[in-house]
Protein backbone atom coordinates (compact mmCIF):
# COMPACT_ATOMS: atom_id res chain seq x y z
CA UNK A 1 24.44 16.35 2.54
CA UNK A 2 27.50 18.17 3.83
CA UNK A 3 25.43 19.56 6.70
CA UNK A 4 23.52 16.42 7.64
CA UNK A 5 21.57 13.48 6.38
CA UNK A 6 19.14 14.05 3.53
CA UNK A 7 15.56 12.93 2.99
CA UNK A 8 15.14 11.17 -0.38
CA UNK A 9 12.69 13.06 -2.55
CA UNK A 10 9.56 11.12 -3.36
CA UNK A 11 9.46 9.21 -0.09
CA UNK A 12 7.18 10.18 2.82
CA UNK A 13 8.48 12.16 5.77
CA UNK A 14 9.29 10.31 9.01
CA UNK A 15 6.13 9.41 10.89
CA UNK A 16 3.96 9.30 7.77
CA UNK A 17 2.61 6.09 6.26
CA UNK A 18 5.05 4.58 3.80
CA UNK A 19 8.79 4.04 3.54
CA UNK A 20 10.69 7.21 4.49
CA UNK A 21 14.24 7.09 3.11
CA UNK A 22 17.18 9.06 4.48
CA UNK A 23 20.75 9.01 3.14
CA UNK A 24 23.95 10.21 4.80
CA UNK A 25 27.72 10.01 4.44
CA UNK A 26 29.39 6.90 5.88
CA UNK A 27 32.33 8.86 7.27
CA UNK A 28 30.34 11.54 9.10
CA UNK A 29 26.64 11.46 9.97
CA UNK A 30 26.04 7.75 9.40
CA UNK A 31 29.41 6.45 10.59
CA UNK A 32 27.82 4.71 13.61
CA UNK A 33 25.46 2.68 11.42
CA UNK A 34 28.22 0.09 11.17
CA UNK A 35 27.28 -0.97 14.73
CA UNK A 36 23.49 -1.13 14.31
CA UNK A 37 21.69 -4.46 14.68
CA UNK A 38 18.13 -5.79 14.29
CA UNK A 39 15.91 -4.85 17.25
CA UNK A 40 17.94 -1.65 17.92
CA UNK A 41 15.94 1.56 18.28
CA UNK A 42 16.37 4.56 15.98
CA UNK A 43 15.05 7.98 16.98
CA UNK A 44 14.27 10.68 14.42
CA UNK A 45 13.71 14.17 15.81
CA UNK A 46 11.84 16.60 13.57
CA UNK A 47 10.79 20.16 14.41
CA UNK A 48 7.35 18.85 15.41
CA UNK A 49 7.84 15.37 16.90
CA UNK A 50 10.12 12.53 17.96
CA UNK A 51 9.64 9.28 16.03
CA UNK A 52 10.89 5.91 17.23
CA UNK A 53 11.65 2.99 14.95
CA UNK A 54 12.83 -0.57 15.58
CA UNK A 55 15.39 -2.06 13.20
CA UNK A 56 14.06 -5.02 11.20
CA UNK A 57 17.10 -5.79 9.06
CA UNK A 58 20.48 -4.56 7.88
CA UNK A 59 22.04 -5.52 4.55
CA UNK A 60 24.58 -4.52 1.92
CA UNK A 61 23.30 -4.07 -1.64
CA UNK A 62 24.47 -2.85 -5.03
CA UNK A 63 23.94 0.89 -5.67
CA UNK A 64 21.31 0.17 -8.32
CA UNK A 65 19.21 -2.08 -6.05
CA UNK A 66 16.17 0.13 -5.49
CA UNK A 67 14.10 -2.67 -3.95
CA UNK A 68 15.17 -1.39 -0.52
CA UNK A 69 13.14 1.76 -1.20
CA UNK A 70 9.93 -0.13 -2.00
CA UNK A 71 6.76 1.54 -0.71
CA UNK A 72 5.29 0.27 2.54
CA UNK A 73 1.77 0.34 3.96
CA UNK A 74 3.12 0.95 7.46
CA UNK A 75 5.32 3.77 8.69
CA UNK A 76 8.82 2.54 7.87
CA UNK A 77 12.30 4.05 7.75
CA UNK A 78 15.18 3.18 5.43
CA UNK A 79 18.66 4.57 6.08
CA UNK A 80 21.23 4.34 3.29
CA UNK A 81 24.96 5.04 3.25
CA UNK A 82 27.96 3.98 1.19
CA UNK A 83 29.83 0.76 1.96
CA UNK A 84 32.40 -0.32 2.99
CA UNK A 85 32.71 2.18 5.80
CA UNK A 86 36.51 2.48 5.78
CA UNK A 87 37.18 2.69 2.07
CA UNK A 88 38.97 5.72 0.67
CA UNK A 89 37.32 6.75 -2.59
CA UNK A 90 34.04 5.86 -4.24
CA UNK A 91 32.20 3.02 -2.51
CA UNK A 92 30.97 0.12 -4.64
CA UNK A 93 28.05 -0.94 -2.39
CA UNK A 94 25.34 0.52 -0.14
CA UNK A 95 24.68 -0.25 3.53
CA UNK A 96 20.94 -0.25 4.20
CA UNK A 97 19.00 -0.26 7.48
CA UNK A 98 15.25 -0.87 7.44
CA UNK A 99 13.03 -0.23 10.47
CA UNK A 100 9.35 0.05 11.39
CA UNK A 101 7.78 2.72 13.58
CA UNK A 102 7.05 1.74 17.17
């Protein structure tokens, strides 16, 4: 993840049915997630297509809370980064954004 965000193995790719999960560092690639709100649009560009998602919810969870990665019947996107954003050292929580494909 030093070179970008990473797709979580075992989840579908963006644009596919199910809950695609992507993780990134809070102090680099996902630093702007601190400003995201429900109804905001997220765009994911892949080599073959551009996918648009609308944010449903944002929440902070414990690192072992895997419910945020639950499978979905629709094309969904979950972004995960460490929290709090401005902490030096290991982060005790996770900041999670969930969105559905437009």
